[in-house]
C-alpha atoms as a PDB file:
ATOM      1  CA  MET A   1     152.084  62.263   5.654  1.00  0.00           C
ATOM      2  CA  SER A   2     155.154  60.571   6.323  1.00  0.00           C
ATOM      3  CA  SER A   3     156.931  60.382   9.573  1.00  0.00           C
ATOM      4  CA  ALA A   4     159.616  62.669   8.593  1.00  0.00           C
ATOM      5  CA  ASN A   5     157.338  65.468   7.266  1.00  0.00           C
ATOM      6  CA  GLU A   6     155.186  65.022  10.541  1.00  0.00           C
ATOM      7  CA  MET A   7     158.427  65.645  12.560  1.00  0.00           C
ATOM      8  CA  GLN A   8     159.319  68.666  10.699  1.00  0.00           C
ATOM      9  CA  GLN A   9     155.838  69.980  10.738  1.00  0.00           C
ATOM     10  CA  ALA A  10     155.940  69.480  14.653  1.00  0.00           C
ATOM     11  CA  ARG A  11     159.271  71.255  14.735  1.00  0.00           C
ATOM     12  CA  ILE A  12     158.128  74.146  12.731  1.00  0.00           C
ATOM     13  CA  ILE A  13     155.072  74.504  15.016  1.00  0.00           C
ATOM     14  CA  LYS A  14     157.075  74.168  18.077  1.00  0.00           C
ATOM     15  CA  GLU A  15     159.350  76.982  16.814  1.00  0.00           C
ATOM     16  CA  LEU A  16     156.440  79.448  15.782  1.00  0.00           C
ATOM     17  CA  ARG A  17     154.682  78.743  19.027  1.00  0.00           C
ATOM     18  CA  SER A  18     157.953  79.645  21.044  1.00  0.00           C
ATOM     19  CA  PHE A  19     158.338  82.795  18.688  1.00  0.00           C
ATOM     20  CA  ILE A  20     154.569  83.899  19.307  1.00  0.00           C
ATOM     21  CA  LYS A  21     155.073  83.435  23.172  1.00  0.00           C
ATOM     22  CA  LYS A  22     157.911  85.774  22.982  1.00  0.00           C
ATOM     23  CA  LEU A  23     156.034  88.356  20.794  1.00  0.00           C
ATOM     24  CA  LEU A  24     153.317  88.198  23.538  1.00  0.00           C
ATOM     25  CA  GLN A  25     155.754  88.626  26.406  1.00  0.00           C
ATOM     26  CA  GLU A  26     157.482  91.594  24.976  1.00  0.00           C
ATOM     27  CA  PRO A  27     155.269  93.454  22.896  1.00  0.00           C
ATOM     28  CA  SER A  28     157.926  95.920  22.127  1.00  0.00           C
ATOM     29  CA  ILE A  29     159.556  93.532  19.650  1.00  0.00           C
ATOM     30  CA  LEU A  30     156.853  94.124  17.035  1.00  0.00           C
ATOM     31  CA  GLU A  31     156.978  97.865  17.063  1.00  0.00           C
ATOM     32  CA  LYS A  32     160.710  97.737  16.868  1.00  0.00           C
ATOM     33  CA  SER A  33     160.630  95.233  14.292  1.00  0.00           C
ATOM     34  CA  LEU A  34     158.074  97.303  11.956  1.00  0.00           C
ATOM     35  CA  GLU A  35     160.614 100.437  12.326  1.00  0.00           C
ATOM     36  CA  ILE A  36     163.410  98.523  11.441  1.00  0.00           C
ATOM     37  CA  ALA A  37     161.393  97.134   8.538  1.00  0.00           C
ATOM     38  CA  ARG A  38     160.311 100.270   7.448  1.00  0.00           C
ATOM     39  CA  GLU A  39     163.835 101.792   7.647  1.00  0.00           C
ATOM     40  CA  HIS A  40     165.186  98.995   5.247  1.00  0.00           C
ATOM     41  CA  HIS A  41     162.327  98.293   3.022  1.00  0.00           C
ATOM     42  CA  GLY A  42     163.187  98.394  -0.642  1.00  0.00           C
ATOM     43  CA  GLN A  43     167.207  98.601  -0.092  1.00  0.00           C
ATOM     44  CA  PRO A  44     169.507  96.236  -1.444  1.00  0.00           C
ATOM     45  CA  GLY A  45     170.000  93.237   1.135  1.00  0.00           C
ATOM     46  CA  ALA A  46     167.124  94.671   2.916  1.00  0.00           C
ATOM     47  CA  THR A  47     166.104  91.133   4.524  1.00  0.00           C
ATOM     48  CA  ALA A  48     169.519  90.604   5.771  1.00  0.00           C
ATOM     49  CA  LYS A  49     169.847  94.457   7.226  1.00  0.00           C
ATOM     50  CA  ILE A  50     166.354  93.943   8.817  1.00  0.00           C
ATOM     51  CA  ALA A  51     167.371  90.358  10.385  1.00  0.00           C
ATOM     52  CA  ASN A  52     170.734  91.567  11.539  1.00  0.00           C
ATOM     53  CA  GLU A  53     169.450  94.630  13.377  1.00  0.00           C
ATOM     54  CA  ILE A  54     166.088  92.836  14.822  1.00  0.00           C
ATOM     55  CA  SER A  55     168.912  90.358  16.148  1.00  0.00           C
ATOM     56  CA  ALA A  56     170.885  93.274  17.581  1.00  0.00           C
ATOM     57  CA  THR A  57     168.104  95.325  19.204  1.00  0.00           C
ATOM     58  CA  THR A  58     165.502  92.752  20.512  1.00  0.00           C
ATOM     59  CA  HIS A  59     165.525  89.335  22.282  1.00  0.00           C
ATOM     60  CA  VAL A  60     164.744  87.927  18.796  1.00  0.00           C
ATOM     61  CA  LYS A  61     167.907  86.248  16.744  1.00  0.00           C
ATOM     62  CA  ILE A  62     167.580  85.936  13.280  1.00  0.00           C
ATOM     63  CA  PRO A  63     170.784  84.895  11.048  1.00  0.00           C
ATOM     64  CA  GLU A  64     171.484  87.436   8.755  1.00  0.00           C
ATOM     65  CA  ASP A  65     172.432  84.818   6.079  1.00  0.00           C
ATOM     66  CA  ALA A  66     169.170  83.704   4.581  1.00  0.00           C
ATOM     67  CA  ALA A  67     170.043  80.345   3.962  1.00  0.00           C
ATOM     68  CA  ASP A  68     170.292  79.852   7.841  1.00  0.00           C
ATOM     69  CA  HIS A  69     166.662  81.028   8.515  1.00  0.00           C
ATOM     70  CA  SER A  70     164.295  78.769   9.984  1.00  0.00           C
ATOM     71  CA  PRO A  71     160.748  78.808   8.694  1.00  0.00           C
ATOM     72  CA  ALA A  72     159.735  81.022  11.659  1.00  0.00           C
ATOM     73  CA  ASP A  73     162.574  83.654  10.530  1.00  0.00           C
ATOM     74  CA  LYS A  74     161.256  83.404   7.054  1.00  0.00           C
ATOM     75  CA  LEU A  75     157.369  83.878   7.745  1.00  0.00           C
ATOM     76  CA  TYR A  76     158.486  86.747  10.182  1.00  0.00           C
ATOM     77  CA  LEU A  77     160.364  88.579   7.742  1.00  0.00           C
ATOM     78  CA  GLU A  78     157.834  87.962   4.811  1.00  0.00           C
ATOM     79  CA  VAL A  79     154.895  89.351   7.359  1.00  0.00           C
ATOM     80  CA  LEU A  80     156.883  92.301   8.187  1.00  0.00           C
ATOM     81  CA  LYS A  81     157.780  92.755   4.390  1.00  0.00           C
ATOM     82  CA  GLU A  82     154.004  92.489   3.601  1.00  0.00           C
ATOM     83  CA  VAL A  83     152.647  94.966   6.370  1.00  0.00           C
ATOM     84  CA  VAL A  84     155.098  97.959   5.294  1.00  0.00           C
ATOM     85  CA  GLU A  85     154.059  97.036   1.545  1.00  0.00           C
ATOM     86  CA  GLU A  86     150.409  97.363   2.796  1.00  0.00           C
ATOM     87  CA  GLU A  87     150.975 100.578   4.801  1.00  0.00           C
ATOM     88  CA  ARG A  88     152.701 102.248   2.008  1.00  0.00           C
ATOM     89  CA  ALA A  89     150.112 101.343  -0.663  1.00  0.00           C
ATOM     90  CA  MET A  90     147.448 102.933   1.754  1.00  0.00           C
ATOM     91  CA  TYR A  91     149.518 106.161   1.468  1.00  0.00           C
END
């Protein structure tokens, strides 16, 4: 693995670690994020709406524009979408 790749991977891990820590310190972020994801799931522009509302109502700040999303932002939004889809598939 090249030095640049290692540095990129270290940065991503650091960001994910910080994000997970924030979620553990404030567990209400998870439930609020899921509520927001459920509300906007399947709508046009859902990802931007979810990112914007999470940023407006929690301590998690996700850029509205997908081009500005960090790897941690992308992962969090993808996992929220998967959880909502799995919930809907169960019912």
